[in-house]
Amino acid sequence: KNQNKQKAKEWYNMRDFATPEQLVVLTNLEFKN
């Protein structure tokens, strides 16, 4: 959020701008955690 505070609020959520590969890994990390 601090990196993108000059932009619109939709830029705040890093998961909305994640690549498909990052999303796959993200779901695996959540289950692993």
PDB file of all heavy atoms in Angstrom:
ATOM      1  N   LYS A   1       0.831  -1.209   0.000  1.00  0.00           N
ATOM      2  CA  LYS A   1       0.000   0.000   0.000  1.00  0.00           C
ATOM      3  C   LYS A   1       0.861   1.253   0.000  1.00  0.00           C
ATOM      4  O   LYS A   1       0.580   2.212  -0.720  1.00  0.00           O
ATOM      5  CB  LYS A   1      -0.927  -0.007   1.215  1.00  0.00           C
ATOM      6  CG  LYS A   1      -1.861   1.185   1.291  1.00  0.00           C
ATOM      7  CD  LYS A   1      -2.786   1.066   2.495  1.00  0.00           C
ATOM      8  CE  LYS A   1      -3.723   2.263   2.583  1.00  0.00           C
ATOM      9  NZ  LYS A   1      -4.656   2.165   3.741  1.00  0.00           N
ATOM     10  N   ASN A   2       1.935   1.244   0.782  1.00  0.00           N
ATOM     11  CA  ASN A   2       2.822   2.408   0.846  1.00  0.00           C
ATOM     12  C   ASN A   2       3.509   2.666  -0.489  1.00  0.00           C
ATOM     13  O   ASN A   2       3.747   3.821  -0.866  1.00  0.00           O
ATOM     14  CB  ASN A   2       3.871   2.213   1.943  1.00  0.00           C
ATOM     15  CG  ASN A   2       3.260   2.234   3.336  1.00  0.00           C
ATOM     16  OD1 ASN A   2       2.157   2.751   3.546  1.00  0.00           O
ATOM     17  ND2 ASN A   2       3.955   1.654   4.297  1.00  0.00           N
ATOM     18  N   GLN A   3       3.834   1.604  -1.218  1.00  0.00           N
ATOM     19  CA  GLN A   3       4.495   1.749  -2.514  1.00  0.00           C
ATOM     20  C   GLN A   3       3.566   2.340  -3.567  1.00  0.00           C
ATOM     21  O   GLN A   3       4.022   2.957  -4.529  1.00  0.00           O
ATOM     22  CB  GLN A   3       5.019   0.396  -3.004  1.00  0.00           C
ATOM     23  CG  GLN A   3       6.263  -0.080  -2.305  1.00  0.00           C
ATOM     24  CD  GLN A   3       6.828  -1.343  -2.945  1.00  0.00           C
ATOM     25  OE1 GLN A   3       6.302  -1.850  -3.940  1.00  0.00           O
ATOM     26  NE2 GLN A   3       7.886  -1.874  -2.360  1.00  0.00           N
ATOM     27  N   ASN A   4       2.258   2.126  -3.400  1.00  0.00           N
ATOM     28  CA  ASN A   4       1.296   2.531  -4.423  1.00  0.00           C
ATOM     29  C   ASN A   4       0.278   3.557  -3.907  1.00  0.00           C
ATOM     30  O   ASN A   4      -0.815   3.664  -4.451  1.00  0.00           O
ATOM     31  CB  ASN A   4       0.549   1.300  -4.957  1.00  0.00           C
ATOM     32  CG  ASN A   4       1.468   0.329  -5.652  1.00  0.00           C
ATOM     33  OD1 ASN A   4       1.784   0.476  -6.822  1.00  0.00           O
ATOM     34  ND2 ASN A   4       1.917  -0.682  -4.923  1.00  0.00           N
ATOM     35  N   LYS A   5       0.647   4.294  -2.869  1.00  0.00           N
ATOM     36  CA  LYS A   5      -0.321   5.217  -2.275  1.00  0.00           C
ATOM     37  C   LYS A   5      -0.662   6.391  -3.188  1.00  0.00           C
ATOM     38  O   LYS A   5      -1.655   7.079  -2.960  1.00  0.00           O
ATOM     39  CB  LYS A   5       0.194   5.733  -0.933  1.00  0.00           C
ATOM     40  CG  LYS A   5       1.540   6.422  -0.974  1.00  0.00           C
ATOM     41  CD  LYS A   5       1.979   6.755   0.442  1.00  0.00           C
ATOM     42  CE  LYS A   5       3.368   7.389   0.470  1.00  0.00           C
ATOM     43  NZ  LYS A   5       3.800   7.664   1.858  1.00  0.00           N
ATOM     44  N   GLN A   6       0.134   6.604  -4.232  1.00  0.00           N
ATOM     45  CA  GLN A   6      -0.184   7.657  -5.189  1.00  0.00           C
ATOM     46  C   GLN A   6      -1.147   7.174  -6.263  1.00  0.00           C
ATOM     47  O   GLN A   6      -1.627   7.964  -7.088  1.00  0.00           O
ATOM     48  CB  GLN A   6       1.107   8.162  -5.870  1.00  0.00           C
ATOM     49  CG  GLN A   6       2.139   8.729  -4.904  1.00  0.00           C
ATOM     50  CD  GLN A   6       1.627   9.935  -4.144  1.00  0.00           C
ATOM     51  OE1 GLN A   6       0.813  10.691  -4.658  1.00  0.00           O
ATOM     52  NE2 GLN A   6       2.104  10.124  -2.923  1.00  0.00           N
ATOM     53  N   LYS A   7      -1.442   5.859  -6.255  1.00  0.00           N
ATOM     54  CA  LYS A   7      -2.323   5.283  -7.265  1.00  0.00           C
ATOM     55  C   LYS A   7      -3.694   5.003  -6.655  1.00  0.00           C
ATOM     56  O   LYS A   7      -3.924   5.194  -5.474  1.00  0.00           O
ATOM     57  CB  LYS A   7      -1.715   3.991  -7.825  1.00  0.00           C
ATOM     58  CG  LYS A   7      -0.360   4.179  -8.488  1.00  0.00           C
ATOM     59  CD  LYS A   7       0.166   2.875  -9.016  1.00  0.00           C
ATOM     60  CE  LYS A   7       1.534   3.048  -9.676  1.00  0.00           C
ATOM     61  NZ  LYS A   7       2.086   1.781 -10.173  1.00  0.00           N
ATOM     62  N   ALA A   8      -4.606   4.518  -7.509  1.00  0.00           N
ATOM     63  CA  ALA A   8      -5.948   4.192  -7.035  1.00  0.00           C
ATOM     64  C   ALA A   8      -5.893   3.007  -6.071  1.00  0.00           C
ATOM     65  O   ALA A   8      -4.946   2.216  -6.059  1.00  0.00           O
ATOM     66  CB  ALA A   8      -6.846   3.855  -8.222  1.00  0.00           C
ATOM     67  N   LYS A   9      -6.954   2.861  -5.265  1.00  0.00           N
ATOM     68  CA  LYS A   9      -6.965   1.849  -4.216  1.00  0.00           C
ATOM     69  C   LYS A   9      -6.864   0.426  -4.756  1.00  0.00           C
ATOM     70  O   LYS A   9      -6.394  -0.470  -4.059  1.00  0.00           O
ATOM     71  CB  LYS A   9      -8.230   1.987  -3.372  1.00  0.00           C
ATOM     72  CG  LYS A   9      -8.222   3.210  -2.466  1.00  0.00           C
ATOM     73  CD  LYS A   9      -9.443   3.224  -1.561  1.00  0.00           C
ATOM     74  CE  LYS A   9      -9.382   4.418  -0.608  1.00  0.00           C
ATOM     75  NZ  LYS A   9     -10.554   4.451   0.298  1.00  0.00           N
ATOM     76  N   GLU A  10      -7.319   0.196  -5.995  1.00  0.00           N
ATOM     77  CA  GLU A  10      -7.258  -1.160  -6.533  1.00  0.00           C
ATOM     78  C   GLU A  10      -5.831  -1.648  -6.726  1.00  0.00           C
ATOM     79  O   GLU A  10      -5.599  -2.848  -6.913  1.00  0.00           O
ATOM     80  CB  GLU A  10      -8.015  -1.263  -7.861  1.00  0.00           C
ATOM     81  CG  GLU A  10      -7.596  -0.262  -8.911  1.00  0.00           C
ATOM     82  CD  GLU A  10      -8.497   0.959  -8.922  1.00  0.00           C
ATOM     83  OE1 GLU A  10      -9.094   1.266  -7.867  1.00  0.00           O
ATOM     84  OE2 GLU A  10      -8.601   1.606  -9.976  1.00  0.00           O
ATOM     85  N   TRP A  11      -4.840  -0.739  -6.656  1.00  0.00           N
ATOM     86  CA  TRP A  11      -3.435  -1.131  -6.771  1.00  0.00           C
ATOM     87  C   TRP A  11      -2.888  -1.649  -5.446  1.00  0.00           C
ATOM     88  O   TRP A  11      -1.789  -2.183  -5.399  1.00  0.00           O
ATOM     89  CB  TRP A  11      -2.589   0.052  -7.242  1.00  0.00           C
ATOM     90  CG  TRP A  11      -2.681   0.297  -8.707  1.00  0.00           C
ATOM     91  CD1 TRP A  11      -3.648   0.993  -9.371  1.00  0.00           C
ATOM     92  CD2 TRP A  11      -1.783  -0.161  -9.723  1.00  0.00           C
ATOM     93  NE1 TRP A  11      -3.400   1.008 -10.715  1.00  0.00           N
ATOM     94  CE2 TRP A  11      -2.262   0.306 -10.962  1.00  0.00           C
ATOM     95  CE3 TRP A  11      -0.607  -0.925  -9.688  1.00  0.00           C
ATOM     96  CZ2 TRP A  11      -1.624   0.038 -12.165  1.00  0.00           C
ATOM     97  CZ3 TRP A  11       0.037  -1.184 -10.886  1.00  0.00           C
ATOM     98  CH2 TRP A  11      -0.467  -0.712 -12.100  1.00  0.00           C
ATOM     99  N   TYR A  12      -3.634  -1.477  -4.361  1.00  0.00           N
ATOM    100  CA  TYR A  12      -3.114  -1.833  -3.048  1.00  0.00           C
ATOM    101  C   TYR A  12      -2.978  -3.341  -2.856  1.00  0.00           C
ATOM    102  O   TYR A  12      -2.072  -3.806  -2.170  1.00  0.00           O
ATOM    103  CB  TYR A  12      -4.031  -1.269  -1.954  1.00  0.00           C
ATOM    104  CG  TYR A  12      -4.013   0.241  -1.835  1.00  0.00           C
ATOM    105  CD1 TYR A  12      -4.879   0.903  -0.976  1.00  0.00           C
ATOM    106  CD2 TYR A  12      -3.132   1.021  -2.589  1.00  0.00           C
ATOM    107  CE1 TYR A  12      -4.881   2.291  -0.861  1.00  0.00           C
ATOM    108  CE2 TYR A  12      -3.132   2.397  -2.486  1.00  0.00           C
ATOM    109  CZ  TYR A  12      -4.002   3.024  -1.625  1.00  0.00           C
ATOM    110  OH  TYR A  12      -3.993   4.384  -1.516  1.00  0.00           O
ATOM    111  N   ASN A  13      -3.914  -4.119  -3.418  1.00  0.00           N
ATOM    112  CA  ASN A  13      -3.933  -5.558  -3.188  1.00  0.00           C
ATOM    113  C   ASN A  13      -2.947  -6.255  -4.119  1.00  0.00           C
ATOM    114  O   ASN A  13      -3.175  -6.362  -5.326  1.00  0.00           O
ATOM    115  CB  ASN A  13      -5.344  -6.106  -3.404  1.00  0.00           C
ATOM    116  CG  ASN A  13      -5.492  -7.535  -2.885  1.00  0.00           C
ATOM    117  OD1 ASN A  13      -4.519  -8.272  -2.772  1.00  0.00           O
ATOM    118  ND2 ASN A  13      -6.708  -7.915  -2.558  1.00  0.00           N
ATOM    119  N   MET A  14      -1.849  -6.738  -3.557  1.00  0.00           N
ATOM    120  CA  MET A  14      -0.815  -7.373  -4.376  1.00  0.00           C
ATOM    121  C   MET A  14      -1.307  -8.655  -5.026  1.00  0.00           C
ATOM    122  O   MET A  14      -0.843  -9.042  -6.098  1.00  0.00           O
ATOM    123  CB  MET A  14       0.423  -7.656  -3.524  1.00  0.00           C
ATOM    124  CG  MET A  14       0.241  -8.707  -2.455  1.00  0.00           C
ATOM    125  SD  MET A  14       1.735  -8.927  -1.448  1.00  0.00           S
ATOM    126  CE  MET A  14       1.674  -7.493  -0.386  1.00  0.00           C
ATOM    127  N   ARG A  15      -2.294  -9.305  -4.431  1.00  0.00           N
ATOM    128  CA  ARG A  15      -2.774 -10.575  -4.967  1.00  0.00           C
ATOM    129  C   ARG A  15      -3.582 -10.386  -6.239  1.00  0.00           C
ATOM    130  O   ARG A  15      -3.656 -11.288  -7.066  1.00  0.00           O
ATOM    131  CB  ARG A  15      -3.592 -11.307  -3.895  1.00  0.00           C
ATOM    132  CG  ARG A  15      -2.781 -11.570  -2.633  1.00  0.00           C
ATOM    133  CD  ARG A  15      -3.510 -12.395  -1.611  1.00  0.00           C
ATOM    134  NE  ARG A  15      -2.673 -12.592  -0.414  1.00  0.00           N
ATOM    135  CZ  ARG A  15      -2.839 -13.575   0.459  1.00  0.00           C
ATOM    136  NH1 ARG A  15      -3.809 -14.447   0.289  1.00  0.00           N
ATOM    137  NH2 ARG A  15      -2.053 -13.686   1.496  1.00  0.00           N
ATOM    138  N   ASP A  16      -4.186  -9.206  -6.401  1.00  0.00           N
ATOM    139  CA  ASP A  16      -4.918  -8.925  -7.633  1.00  0.00           C
ATOM    140  C   ASP A  16      -3.981  -8.800  -8.827  1.00  0.00           C
ATOM    141  O   ASP A  16      -4.387  -9.002  -9.969  1.00  0.00           O
ATOM    142  CB  ASP A  16      -5.738  -7.629  -7.492  1.00  0.00           C
ATOM    143  CG  ASP A  16      -6.975  -7.827  -6.633  1.00  0.00           C
ATOM    144  OD1 ASP A  16      -7.359  -8.993  -6.416  1.00  0.00           O
ATOM    145  OD2 ASP A  16      -7.556  -6.824  -6.179  1.00  0.00           O
ATOM    146  N   PHE A  17      -2.721  -8.460  -8.575  1.00  0.00           N
ATOM    147  CA  PHE A  17      -1.763  -8.254  -9.653  1.00  0.00           C
ATOM    148  C   PHE A  17      -0.707  -9.361  -9.707  1.00  0.00           C
ATOM    149  O   PHE A  17       0.305  -9.228 -10.375  1.00  0.00           O
ATOM    150  CB  PHE A  17      -1.091  -6.885  -9.493  1.00  0.00           C
ATOM    151  CG  PHE A  17      -2.036  -5.740  -9.697  1.00  0.00           C
ATOM    152  CD1 PHE A  17      -2.766  -5.225  -8.639  1.00  0.00           C
ATOM    153  CD2 PHE A  17      -2.218  -5.192 -10.947  1.00  0.00           C
ATOM    154  CE1 PHE A  17      -3.647  -4.176  -8.821  1.00  0.00           C
ATOM    155  CE2 PHE A  17      -3.107  -4.143 -11.144  1.00  0.00           C
ATOM    156  CZ  PHE A  17      -3.820  -3.636 -10.079  1.00  0.00           C
ATOM    157  N   ALA A  18      -0.972 -10.454  -8.990  1.00  0.00           N
ATOM    158  CA  ALA A  18      -0.043 -11.580  -9.005  1.00  0.00           C
ATOM    159  C   ALA A  18      -0.148 -12.337 -10.320  1.00  0.00           C
ATOM    160  O   ALA A  18      -1.199 -12.355 -10.962  1.00  0.00           O
ATOM    161  CB  ALA A  18      -0.343 -12.517  -7.838  1.00  0.00           C
ATOM    162  N   THR A  19       0.948 -12.972 -10.725  1.00  0.00           N
ATOM    163  CA  THR A  19       0.941 -13.806 -11.920  1.00  0.00           C
ATOM    164  C   THR A  19       0.246 -15.134 -11.611  1.00  0.00           C
ATOM    165  O   THR A  19       0.101 -15.503 -10.441  1.00  0.00           O
ATOM    166  CB  THR A  19       2.370 -14.084 -12.386  1.00  0.00           C
ATOM    167  OG1 THR A  19       3.051 -14.868 -11.382  1.00  0.00           O
ATOM    168  CG2 THR A  19       3.142 -12.788 -12.606  1.00  0.00           C
ATOM    169  N   PRO A  20      -0.186 -15.875 -12.652  1.00  0.00           N
ATOM    170  CA  PRO A  20      -0.783 -17.188 -12.394  1.00  0.00           C
ATOM    171  C   PRO A  20       0.140 -18.110 -11.601  1.00  0.00           C
ATOM    172  O   PRO A  20      -0.328 -18.859 -10.727  1.00  0.00           O
ATOM    173  CB  PRO A  20      -1.038 -17.732 -13.806  1.00  0.00           C
ATOM    174  CG  PRO A  20      -1.202 -16.520 -14.648  1.00  0.00           C
ATOM    175  CD  PRO A  20      -0.256 -15.506 -14.075  1.00  0.00           C
ATOM    176  N   GLU A  21       1.455 -18.040 -11.891  1.00  0.00           N
ATOM    177  CA  GLU A  21       2.408 -18.880 -11.150  1.00  0.00           C
ATOM    178  C   GLU A  21       2.442 -18.494  -9.676  1.00  0.00           C
ATOM    179  O   GLU A  21       2.471 -19.358  -8.790  1.00  0.00           O
ATOM    180  CB  GLU A  21       3.810 -18.742 -11.756  1.00  0.00           C
ATOM    181  CG  GLU A  21       3.960 -19.300 -13.165  1.00  0.00           C
ATOM    182  CD  GLU A  21       3.550 -18.294 -14.227  1.00  0.00           C
ATOM    183  OE1 GLU A  21       3.161 -17.166 -13.860  1.00  0.00           O
ATOM    184  OE2 GLU A  21       3.611 -18.639 -15.420  1.00  0.00           O
ATOM    185  N   GLN A  22       2.438 -17.203  -9.412  1.00  0.00           N
ATOM    186  CA  GLN A  22       2.456 -16.743  -8.017  1.00  0.00           C
ATOM    187  C   GLN A  22       1.189 -17.157  -7.277  1.00  0.00           C
ATOM    188  O   GLN A  22       1.245 -17.516  -6.094  1.00  0.00           O
ATOM    189  CB  GLN A  22       2.620 -15.226  -7.975  1.00  0.00           C
ATOM    190  CG  GLN A  22       4.006 -14.740  -8.356  1.00  0.00           C
ATOM    191  CD  GLN A  22       4.086 -13.230  -8.442  1.00  0.00           C
ATOM    192  OE1 GLN A  22       3.111 -12.567  -8.816  1.00  0.00           O
ATOM    193  NE2 GLN A  22       5.242 -12.669  -8.116  1.00  0.00           N
ATOM    194  N   LEU A  23       0.048 -17.133  -7.967  1.00  0.00           N
ATOM    195  CA  LEU A  23      -1.200 -17.538  -7.318  1.00  0.00           C
ATOM    196  C   LEU A  23      -1.208 -19.016  -6.969  1.00  0.00           C
ATOM    197  O   LEU A  23      -1.712 -19.415  -5.917  1.00  0.00           O
ATOM    198  CB  LEU A  23      -2.390 -17.198  -8.222  1.00  0.00           C
ATOM    199  CG  LEU A  23      -2.715 -15.712  -8.372  1.00  0.00           C
ATOM    200  CD1 LEU A  23      -3.833 -15.508  -9.370  1.00  0.00           C
ATOM    201  CD2 LEU A  23      -3.098 -15.120  -7.026  1.00  0.00           C
ATOM    202  N   VAL A  24      -0.647 -19.833  -7.861  1.00  0.00           N
ATOM    203  CA  VAL A  24      -0.554 -21.273  -7.577  1.00  0.00           C
ATOM    204  C   VAL A  24       0.308 -21.503  -6.344  1.00  0.00           C
ATOM    205  O   VAL A  24      -0.060 -22.255  -5.433  1.00  0.00           O
ATOM    206  CB  VAL A  24       0.024 -22.034  -8.787  1.00  0.00           C
ATOM    207  CG1 VAL A  24       0.339 -23.482  -8.417  1.00  0.00           C
ATOM    208  CG2 VAL A  24      -0.963 -22.007  -9.951  1.00  0.00           C
ATOM    209  N   VAL A  25       1.458 -20.840  -6.316  1.00  0.00           N
ATOM    210  CA  VAL A  25       2.361 -20.985  -5.179  1.00  0.00           C
ATOM    211  C   VAL A  25       1.719 -20.428  -3.916  1.00  0.00           C
ATOM    212  O   VAL A  25       1.850 -21.004  -2.826  1.00  0.00           O
ATOM    213  CB  VAL A  25       3.707 -20.282  -5.457  1.00  0.00           C
ATOM    214  CG1 VAL A  25       4.606 -20.322  -4.224  1.00  0.00           C
ATOM    215  CG2 VAL A  25       4.409 -20.935  -6.644  1.00  0.00           C
ATOM    216  N   LEU A  26       0.988 -19.329  -4.044  1.00  0.00           N
ATOM    217  CA  LEU A  26       0.345 -18.709  -2.893  1.00  0.00           C
ATOM    218  C   LEU A  26      -0.648 -19.661  -2.222  1.00  0.00           C
ATOM    219  O   LEU A  26      -0.666 -19.800  -0.995  1.00  0.00           O
ATOM    220  CB  LEU A  26      -0.366 -17.433  -3.325  1.00  0.00           C
ATOM    221  CG  LEU A  26      -1.048 -16.624  -2.224  1.00  0.00           C
ATOM    222  CD1 LEU A  26      -0.015 -16.071  -1.245  1.00  0.00           C
ATOM    223  CD2 LEU A  26      -1.873 -15.496  -2.821  1.00  0.00           C
ATOM    224  N   THR A  27      -1.462 -20.317  -3.023  1.00  0.00           N
ATOM    225  CA  THR A  27      -2.420 -21.256  -2.441  1.00  0.00           C
ATOM    226  C   THR A  27      -1.707 -22.428  -1.770  1.00  0.00           C
ATOM    227  O   THR A  27      -2.140 -22.917  -0.720  1.00  0.00           O
ATOM    228  CB  THR A  27      -3.384 -21.788  -3.519  1.00  0.00           C
ATOM    229  OG1 THR A  27      -2.641 -22.420  -4.569  1.00  0.00           O
ATOM    230  CG2 THR A  27      -4.220 -20.666  -4.102  1.00  0.00           C
ATOM    231  N   ASN A  28      -0.604 -22.883  -2.359  1.00  0.00           N
ATOM    232  CA  ASN A  28       0.171 -23.966  -1.749  1.00  0.00           C
ATOM    233  C   ASN A  28       0.788 -23.527  -0.422  1.00  0.00           C
ATOM    234  O   ASN A  28       0.838 -24.311   0.541  1.00  0.00           O
ATOM    235  CB  ASN A  28       1.273 -24.432  -2.703  1.00  0.00           C
ATOM    236  CG  ASN A  28       0.718 -25.121  -3.939  1.00  0.00           C
ATOM    237  OD1 ASN A  28      -0.425 -25.588  -3.938  1.00  0.00           O
ATOM    238  ND2 ASN A  28       1.514 -25.185  -4.994  1.00  0.00           N
ATOM    239  N   LEU A  29       1.266 -22.278  -0.385  1.00  0.00           N
ATOM    240  CA  LEU A  29       1.862 -21.765   0.848  1.00  0.00           C
ATOM    241  C   LEU A  29       0.819 -21.646   1.959  1.00  0.00           C
ATOM    242  O   LEU A  29       1.105 -21.924   3.132  1.00  0.00           O
ATOM    243  CB  LEU A  29       2.515 -20.408   0.604  1.00  0.00           C
ATOM    244  CG  LEU A  29       3.730 -20.365  -0.325  1.00  0.00           C
ATOM    245  CD1 LEU A  29       4.285 -18.948  -0.401  1.00  0.00           C
ATOM    246  CD2 LEU A  29       4.802 -21.340   0.106  1.00  0.00           C
ATOM    247  N   GLU A  30      -0.381 -21.225   1.593  1.00  0.00           N
ATOM    248  CA  GLU A  30      -1.438 -21.098   2.601  1.00  0.00           C
ATOM    249  C   GLU A  30      -1.791 -22.454   3.196  1.00  0.00           C
ATOM    250  O   GLU A  30      -1.967 -22.579   4.420  1.00  0.00           O
ATOM    251  CB  GLU A  30      -2.676 -20.450   1.972  1.00  0.00           C
ATOM    252  CG  GLU A  30      -2.485 -18.974   1.675  1.00  0.00           C
ATOM    253  CD  GLU A  30      -3.632 -18.376   0.892  1.00  0.00           C
ATOM    254  OE1 GLU A  30      -4.386 -19.144   0.256  1.00  0.00           O
ATOM    255  OE2 GLU A  30      -3.778 -17.131   0.909  1.00  0.00           O
ATOM    256  N   PHE A  31      -1.873 -23.463   2.347  1.00  0.00           N
ATOM    257  CA  PHE A  31      -2.165 -24.802   2.862  1.00  0.00           C
ATOM    258  C   PHE A  31      -1.010 -25.325   3.707  1.00  0.00           C
ATOM    259  O   PHE A  31      -1.211 -25.920   4.776  1.00  0.00           O
ATOM    260  CB  PHE A  31      -2.439 -25.776   1.709  1.00  0.00           C
ATOM    261  CG  PHE A  31      -2.787 -27.153   2.164  1.00  0.00           C
ATOM    262  CD1 PHE A  31      -4.053 -27.440   2.646  1.00  0.00           C
ATOM    263  CD2 PHE A  31      -1.842 -28.184   2.121  1.00  0.00           C
ATOM    264  CE1 PHE A  31      -4.382 -28.725   3.074  1.00  0.00           C
ATOM    265  CE2 PHE A  31      -2.161 -29.453   2.559  1.00  0.00           C
ATOM    266  CZ  PHE A  31      -3.432 -29.717   3.036  1.00  0.00           C
ATOM    267  N   LYS A  32       0.231 -25.088   3.230  1.00  0.00           N
ATOM    268  CA  LYS A  32       1.408 -25.532   3.978  1.00  0.00           C
ATOM    269  C   LYS A  32       1.470 -24.844   5.329  1.00  0.00           C
ATOM    270  O   LYS A  32       1.780 -25.469   6.354  1.00  0.00           O
ATOM    271  CB  LYS A  32       2.672 -25.235   3.172  1.00  0.00           C
ATOM    272  CG  LYS A  32       3.976 -25.684   3.843  1.00  0.00           C
ATOM    273  CD  LYS A  32       4.030 -27.207   3.995  1.00  0.00           C
ATOM    274  CE  LYS A  32       5.359 -27.653   4.566  1.00  0.00           C
ATOM    275  NZ  LYS A  32       5.422 -29.128   4.735  1.00  0.00           N
ATOM    276  N   ASN A  33       1.163 -23.555   5.368  1.00  0.00           N
ATOM    277  CA  ASN A  33       1.193 -22.815   6.627  1.00  0.00           C
ATOM    278  C   ASN A  33       0.155 -23.362   7.601  1.00  0.00           C
ATOM    279  O   ASN A  33       0.405 -23.426   8.815  1.00  0.00           O
ATOM    280  CB  ASN A  33       0.945 -21.329   6.384  1.00  0.00           C
ATOM    281  CG  ASN A  33       1.261 -20.483   7.598  1.00  0.00           C
ATOM    282  OD1 ASN A  33       2.229 -20.737   8.317  1.00  0.00           O
ATOM    283  ND2 ASN A  33       0.454 -19.462   7.834  1.00  0.00           N
TER     284      ASN A  33
END
